[in-house]
Amino acid sequence: MGRREQIIACTRELYEEKGLAKTSVQDIADRVGVTRSLFYHYFTDKDAVTSAVLDSYIEDFLAMLKTWNDRRVEGDVEGALRTLVPVLRRALFERGSFRRALASRENASLYIDFINRVADRAARYIVTTTVQDYGRLHEIRIEHVYESFYVLILGVVGYLRTHPEAPDTVIEDIVAQTLHLDRSKSEA
């Protein structure tokens, strides 16, 4: 792991332990074992390292999404929906204090930036993988595919944040209805 990656990893740890507001550049430098000036060689300021930390969370989510995509059975739309919702819940709720703090009022602009970056990266990934697979077996009955996924991701995340008790089947139905998915099982 290079120095830049060490700084990101240590910053992420500190944000989980102390929170974003209570972590200083000096705290980060001390944790990594470098001087503040070396920190500034890699990042212009705390906002820049925070952006890199957010990217690391996005990469974690994309890895979860890739694992889900690799494990789903082509043509089994119901199975894909059923296994996708737990992935979304894990990404939203099974993280430390930093992720929860992102959704707070004082971090609202940072959270909006983060969730838009998640929606962009996830929508691009799904469009180039899952949608292509689906299109080999079914008609894609939506226009503006990337944009539809982007808006759907934002909507599902927002809904689950405010309605964490929502049954998985409701989320599955919302996804299927929004995307006009053919839920009949196809033969691959």
C-alpha atoms as a PDB file:
ATOM      1  CA  MET A   1       0.000   0.000   0.000  1.00  0.00           C
ATOM      2  CA  GLY A   2       1.415   3.343  -1.055  1.00  0.00           C
ATOM      3  CA  ARG A   3       1.555   6.416   1.155  1.00  0.00           C
ATOM      4  CA  ARG A   4      -1.526   7.997  -0.455  1.00  0.00           C
ATOM      5  CA  GLU A   5      -3.544   4.828   0.174  1.00  0.00           C
ATOM      6  CA  GLN A   6      -2.262   4.724   3.773  1.00  0.00           C
ATOM      7  CA  ILE A   7      -3.476   8.265   4.322  1.00  0.00           C
ATOM      8  CA  ILE A   8      -6.897   7.387   2.916  1.00  0.00           C
ATOM      9  CA  ALA A   9      -7.152   4.217   5.028  1.00  0.00           C
ATOM     10  CA  CYS A  10      -6.102   6.004   8.223  1.00  0.00           C
ATOM     11  CA  THR A  11      -8.463   8.890   7.529  1.00  0.00           C
ATOM     12  CA  ARG A  12     -11.294   6.433   7.023  1.00  0.00           C
ATOM     13  CA  GLU A  13     -10.459   4.762  10.352  1.00  0.00           C
ATOM     14  CA  LEU A  14     -10.357   8.104  12.135  1.00  0.00           C
ATOM     15  CA  TYR A  15     -13.659   9.212  10.615  1.00  0.00           C
ATOM     16  CA  GLU A  16     -15.227   5.960  11.840  1.00  0.00           C
ATOM     17  CA  GLU A  17     -13.744   6.433  15.332  1.00  0.00           C
ATOM     18  CA  LYS A  18     -14.039  10.190  15.880  1.00  0.00           C
ATOM     19  CA  GLY A  19     -16.267  11.472  13.123  1.00  0.00           C
ATOM     20  CA  LEU A  20     -15.519  13.887  10.331  1.00  0.00           C
ATOM     21  CA  ALA A  21     -15.814  17.113  12.320  1.00  0.00           C
ATOM     22  CA  LYS A  22     -13.581  15.933  15.167  1.00  0.00           C
ATOM     23  CA  THR A  23     -10.766  14.650  12.941  1.00  0.00           C
ATOM     24  CA  SER A  24      -8.035  17.139  12.065  1.00  0.00           C
ATOM     25  CA  VAL A  25      -5.287  16.974   9.471  1.00  0.00           C
ATOM     26  CA  GLN A  26      -2.864  16.670  12.397  1.00  0.00           C
ATOM     27  CA  ASP A  27      -4.807  13.615  13.661  1.00  0.00           C
ATOM     28  CA  ILE A  28      -4.489  12.045  10.222  1.00  0.00           C
ATOM     29  CA  ALA A  29      -0.769  12.820   9.957  1.00  0.00           C
ATOM     30  CA  ASP A  30      -0.177  11.411  13.454  1.00  0.00           C
ATOM     31  CA  ARG A  31      -2.087   8.205  12.661  1.00  0.00           C
ATOM     32  CA  VAL A  32      -0.140   7.671   9.438  1.00  0.00           C
ATOM     33  CA  GLY A  33       3.144   8.652  11.090  1.00  0.00           C
ATOM     34  CA  VAL A  34       3.967  11.504   8.728  1.00  0.00           C
ATOM     35  CA  THR A  35       4.295  15.259   8.992  1.00  0.00           C
ATOM     36  CA  ARG A  36       1.473  17.608   8.034  1.00  0.00           C
ATOM     37  CA  SER A  37       3.606  18.862   5.153  1.00  0.00           C
ATOM     38  CA  LEU A  38       3.825  15.324   3.755  1.00  0.00           C
ATOM     39  CA  PHE A  39       0.051  14.994   4.091  1.00  0.00           C
ATOM     40  CA  TYR A  40      -0.265  18.173   2.004  1.00  0.00           C
ATOM     41  CA  HIS A  41       2.039  16.676  -0.614  1.00  0.00           C
ATOM     42  CA  TYR A  42      -0.689  14.095  -1.303  1.00  0.00           C
ATOM     43  CA  PHE A  43      -3.849  16.110  -0.551  1.00  0.00           C
ATOM     44  CA  THR A  44      -4.479  19.841  -0.844  1.00  0.00           C
ATOM     45  CA  ASP A  45      -6.702  19.876   2.241  1.00  0.00           C
ATOM     46  CA  LYS A  46      -9.031  17.839   4.429  1.00  0.00           C
ATOM     47  CA  ASP A  47     -11.809  18.099   1.824  1.00  0.00           C
ATOM     48  CA  ALA A  48      -9.592  16.391  -0.757  1.00  0.00           C
ATOM     49  CA  VAL A  49      -8.809  13.439   1.513  1.00  0.00           C
ATOM     50  CA  THR A  50     -12.484  13.266   2.491  1.00  0.00           C
ATOM     51  CA  SER A  51     -13.369  12.984  -1.190  1.00  0.00           C
ATOM     52  CA  ALA A  52     -10.878  10.118  -1.504  1.00  0.00           C
ATOM     53  CA  VAL A  53     -12.440   8.423   1.540  1.00  0.00           C
ATOM     54  CA  LEU A  54     -15.859   8.727  -0.098  1.00  0.00           C
ATOM     55  CA  ASP A  55     -14.395   7.158  -3.236  1.00  0.00           C
ATOM     56  CA  SER A  56     -13.203   4.223  -1.114  1.00  0.00           C
ATOM     57  CA  TYR A  57     -16.750   3.691   0.193  1.00  0.00           C
ATOM     58  CA  ILE A  58     -18.055   3.857  -3.366  1.00  0.00           C
ATOM     59  CA  GLU A  59     -15.497   1.245  -4.424  1.00  0.00           C
ATOM     60  CA  ASP A  60     -16.680  -0.987  -1.560  1.00  0.00           C
ATOM     61  CA  PHE A  61     -20.273  -0.659  -2.755  1.00  0.00           C
ATOM     62  CA  LEU A  62     -19.301  -1.346  -6.363  1.00  0.00           C
ATOM     63  CA  ALA A  63     -17.439  -4.468  -5.212  1.00  0.00           C
ATOM     64  CA  MET A  64     -20.623  -5.630  -3.455  1.00  0.00           C
ATOM     65  CA  LEU A  65     -22.615  -4.870  -6.601  1.00  0.00           C
ATOM     66  CA  LYS A  66     -20.114  -6.768  -8.749  1.00  0.00           C
ATOM     67  CA  THR A  67     -20.310  -9.789  -6.436  1.00  0.00           C
ATOM     68  CA  TRP A  68     -24.111  -9.661  -6.656  1.00  0.00           C
ATOM     69  CA  ASN A  69     -23.944  -9.388 -10.447  1.00  0.00           C
ATOM     70  CA  ASP A  70     -21.467 -12.282 -10.748  1.00  0.00           C
ATOM     71  CA  ARG A  71     -23.650 -14.537  -8.588  1.00  0.00           C
ATOM     72  CA  ARG A  72     -27.038 -13.843 -10.126  1.00  0.00           C
ATOM     73  CA  VAL A  73     -28.508 -16.394 -12.507  1.00  0.00           C
ATOM     74  CA  GLU A  74     -29.012 -15.003 -15.998  1.00  0.00           C
ATOM     75  CA  GLY A  75     -32.713 -14.874 -16.821  1.00  0.00           C
ATOM     76  CA  ASP A  76     -33.863 -15.140 -13.191  1.00  0.00           C
ATOM     77  CA  VAL A  77     -35.208 -11.632 -12.684  1.00  0.00           C
ATOM     78  CA  GLU A  78     -37.009 -12.551  -9.446  1.00  0.00           C
ATOM     79  CA  GLY A  79     -33.836 -14.037  -7.981  1.00  0.00           C
ATOM     80  CA  ALA A  80     -31.835 -10.983  -9.007  1.00  0.00           C
ATOM     81  CA  LEU A  81     -34.344  -8.644  -7.358  1.00  0.00           C
ATOM     82  CA  ARG A  82     -34.555 -10.799  -4.225  1.00  0.00           C
ATOM     83  CA  THR A  83     -30.771 -10.807  -3.769  1.00  0.00           C
ATOM     84  CA  LEU A  84     -30.242  -7.148  -4.728  1.00  0.00           C
ATOM     85  CA  VAL A  85     -32.282  -5.612  -1.920  1.00  0.00           C
ATOM     86  CA  PRO A  86     -30.107  -7.095   0.877  1.00  0.00           C
ATOM     87  CA  VAL A  87     -27.035  -5.684  -0.909  1.00  0.00           C
ATOM     88  CA  LEU A  88     -28.630  -2.235  -0.862  1.00  0.00           C
ATOM     89  CA  ARG A  89     -29.520  -2.562   2.820  1.00  0.00           C
ATOM     90  CA  ARG A  90     -25.970  -3.648   3.739  1.00  0.00           C
ATOM     91  CA  ALA A  91     -24.516  -0.708   1.855  1.00  0.00           C
ATOM     92  CA  LEU A  92     -26.856   1.721   3.599  1.00  0.00           C
ATOM     93  CA  PHE A  93     -26.981   0.422   7.142  1.00  0.00           C
ATOM     94  CA  GLU A  94     -24.033  -1.826   7.952  1.00  0.00           C
ATOM     95  CA  ARG A  95     -21.346   0.808   8.183  1.00  0.00           C
ATOM     96  CA  GLY A  96     -19.775   2.760  10.993  1.00  0.00           C
ATOM     97  CA  SER A  97     -20.412   6.154  12.449  1.00  0.00           C
ATOM     98  CA  PHE A  98     -18.936   8.076   9.517  1.00  0.00           C
ATOM     99  CA  ARG A  99     -21.551   6.794   7.078  1.00  0.00           C
ATOM    100  CA  ARG A 100     -24.320   7.611   9.551  1.00  0.00           C
ATOM    101  CA  ALA A 101     -22.814  11.047  10.165  1.00  0.00           C
ATOM    102  CA  LEU A 102     -22.804  11.734   6.433  1.00  0.00           C
ATOM    103  CA  ALA A 103     -26.589  11.719   6.467  1.00  0.00           C
ATOM    104  CA  SER A 104     -26.757  14.362   9.222  1.00  0.00           C
ATOM    105  CA  ARG A 105     -27.798  17.960   8.585  1.00  0.00           C
ATOM    106  CA  GLU A 106     -24.321  19.400   9.138  1.00  0.00           C
ATOM    107  CA  ASN A 107     -22.920  17.149   6.408  1.00  0.00           C
ATOM    108  CA  ALA A 108     -25.850  17.500   3.999  1.00  0.00           C
ATOM    109  CA  SER A 109     -23.888  18.902   1.049  1.00  0.00           C
ATOM    110  CA  LEU A 110     -21.197  16.245   1.458  1.00  0.00           C
ATOM    111  CA  TYR A 111     -23.863  13.522   1.610  1.00  0.00           C
ATOM    112  CA  ILE A 112     -25.576  14.841  -1.525  1.00  0.00           C
ATOM    113  CA  ASP A 113     -22.249  14.802  -3.357  1.00  0.00           C
ATOM    114  CA  PHE A 114     -21.561  11.276  -2.087  1.00  0.00           C
ATOM    115  CA  ILE A 115     -24.948   9.819  -3.011  1.00  0.00           C
ATOM    116  CA  ASN A 116     -24.829  11.411  -6.465  1.00  0.00           C
ATOM    117  CA  ARG A 117     -21.396   9.858  -7.034  1.00  0.00           C
ATOM    118  CA  VAL A 118     -22.746   6.487  -5.872  1.00  0.00           C
ATOM    119  CA  ALA A 119     -25.730   6.768  -8.211  1.00  0.00           C
ATOM    120  CA  ASP A 120     -23.517   7.716 -11.150  1.00  0.00           C
ATOM    121  CA  ARG A 121     -20.974   4.932 -10.664  1.00  0.00           C
ATOM    122  CA  ALA A 122     -23.566   2.264  -9.843  1.00  0.00           C
ATOM    123  CA  ALA A 123     -25.806   3.231 -12.770  1.00  0.00           C
ATOM    124  CA  ARG A 124     -22.853   3.136 -15.179  1.00  0.00           C
ATOM    125  CA  TYR A 125     -21.831  -0.288 -13.874  1.00  0.00           C
ATOM    126  CA  ILE A 126     -25.350  -1.744 -14.084  1.00  0.00           C
ATOM    127  CA  VAL A 127     -25.947  -0.336 -17.580  1.00  0.00           C
ATOM    128  CA  THR A 128     -22.756  -1.920 -18.924  1.00  0.00           C
ATOM    129  CA  THR A 129     -23.276  -5.300 -17.240  1.00  0.00           C
ATOM    130  CA  THR A 130     -26.665  -6.295 -15.874  1.00  0.00           C
ATOM    131  CA  VAL A 131     -28.719  -4.374 -18.435  1.00  0.00           C
ATOM    132  CA  GLN A 132     -26.722  -5.912 -21.283  1.00  0.00           C
ATOM    133  CA  ASP A 133     -27.417  -9.394 -19.901  1.00  0.00           C
ATOM    134  CA  TYR A 134     -31.103  -8.606 -19.421  1.00  0.00           C
ATOM    135  CA  GLY A 135     -31.327  -7.258 -22.982  1.00  0.00           C
ATOM    136  CA  ARG A 136     -30.159 -10.571 -24.430  1.00  0.00           C
ATOM    137  CA  LEU A 137     -33.255 -12.302 -23.042  1.00  0.00           C
ATOM    138  CA  HIS A 138     -35.851  -9.545 -22.711  1.00  0.00           C
ATOM    139  CA  GLU A 139     -36.911  -6.357 -24.372  1.00  0.00           C
ATOM    140  CA  ILE A 140     -35.610  -3.297 -22.538  1.00  0.00           C
ATOM    141  CA  ARG A 141     -38.782  -1.263 -22.176  1.00  0.00           C
ATOM    142  CA  ILE A 142     -37.380   1.998 -20.872  1.00  0.00           C
ATOM    143  CA  GLU A 143     -35.691   4.857 -22.619  1.00  0.00           C
ATOM    144  CA  HIS A 144     -32.849   6.803 -21.036  1.00  0.00           C
ATOM    145  CA  VAL A 145     -31.503   3.691 -19.333  1.00  0.00           C
ATOM    146  CA  TYR A 146     -28.608   5.303 -17.456  1.00  0.00           C
ATOM    147  CA  GLU A 147     -30.781   8.190 -16.296  1.00  0.00           C
ATOM    148  CA  SER A 148     -33.546   5.826 -15.175  1.00  0.00           C
ATOM    149  CA  PHE A 149     -31.116   3.802 -13.081  1.00  0.00           C
ATOM    150  CA  TYR A 150     -29.543   6.963 -11.650  1.00  0.00           C
ATOM    151  CA  VAL A 151     -32.907   8.321 -10.506  1.00  0.00           C
ATOM    152  CA  LEU A 152     -34.029   4.893  -9.279  1.00  0.00           C
ATOM    153  CA  ILE A 153     -30.899   4.496  -7.151  1.00  0.00           C
ATOM    154  CA  LEU A 154     -31.375   7.941  -5.602  1.00  0.00           C
ATOM    155  CA  GLY A 155     -35.032   7.196  -4.940  1.00  0.00           C
ATOM    156  CA  VAL A 156     -34.502   3.772  -3.405  1.00  0.00           C
ATOM    157  CA  VAL A 157     -31.689   5.060  -1.189  1.00  0.00           C
ATOM    158  CA  GLY A 158     -33.817   7.986  -0.020  1.00  0.00           C
ATOM    159  CA  TYR A 159     -36.822   5.769   0.586  1.00  0.00           C
ATOM    160  CA  LEU A 160     -34.859   3.157   2.534  1.00  0.00           C
ATOM    161  CA  ARG A 161     -33.196   5.867   4.634  1.00  0.00           C
ATOM    162  CA  THR A 162     -36.587   7.197   5.714  1.00  0.00           C
ATOM    163  CA  HIS A 163     -38.403   3.836   5.714  1.00  0.00           C
ATOM    164  CA  PRO A 164     -35.822   1.256   6.864  1.00  0.00           C
ATOM    165  CA  GLU A 165     -38.609  -1.109   7.899  1.00  0.00           C
ATOM    166  CA  ALA A 166     -39.981  -1.331   4.333  1.00  0.00           C
ATOM    167  CA  PRO A 167     -40.333  -4.964   3.285  1.00  0.00           C
ATOM    168  CA  ASP A 168     -37.849  -6.208   0.707  1.00  0.00           C
ATOM    169  CA  THR A 169     -40.758  -7.230  -1.525  1.00  0.00           C
ATOM    170  CA  VAL A 170     -41.902  -3.604  -1.735  1.00  0.00           C
ATOM    171  CA  ILE A 171     -38.446  -2.489  -2.873  1.00  0.00           C
ATOM    172  CA  GLU A 172     -38.318  -5.372  -5.368  1.00  0.00           C
ATOM    173  CA  ASP A 173     -41.692  -4.295  -6.780  1.00  0.00           C
ATOM    174  CA  ILE A 174     -40.637  -0.641  -7.009  1.00  0.00           C
ATOM    175  CA  VAL A 175     -37.480  -1.570  -8.931  1.00  0.00           C
ATOM    176  CA  ALA A 176     -39.338  -3.958 -11.255  1.00  0.00           C
ATOM    177  CA  GLN A 177     -42.192  -1.533 -11.915  1.00  0.00           C
ATOM    178  CA  THR A 178     -39.927   1.463 -12.476  1.00  0.00           C
ATOM    179  CA  LEU A 179     -37.774  -0.454 -14.952  1.00  0.00           C
ATOM    180  CA  HIS A 180     -40.731  -2.270 -16.569  1.00  0.00           C
ATOM    181  CA  LEU A 181     -38.979  -5.594 -15.974  1.00  0.00           C
ATOM    182  CA  ASP A 182     -40.315  -8.848 -17.359  1.00  0.00           C
ATOM    183  CA  ARG A 183     -40.505 -10.886 -14.156  1.00  0.00           C
ATOM    184  CA  SER A 184     -41.219 -14.210 -15.842  1.00  0.00           C
ATOM    185  CA  LYS A 185     -38.384 -16.719 -15.669  1.00  0.00           C
ATOM    186  CA  SER A 186     -36.540 -17.032 -18.983  1.00  0.00           C
ATOM    187  CA  GLU A 187     -34.516 -19.931 -20.209  1.00  0.00           C
ATOM    188  CA  ALA A 188     -30.907 -18.905 -20.708  1.00  0.00           C
END
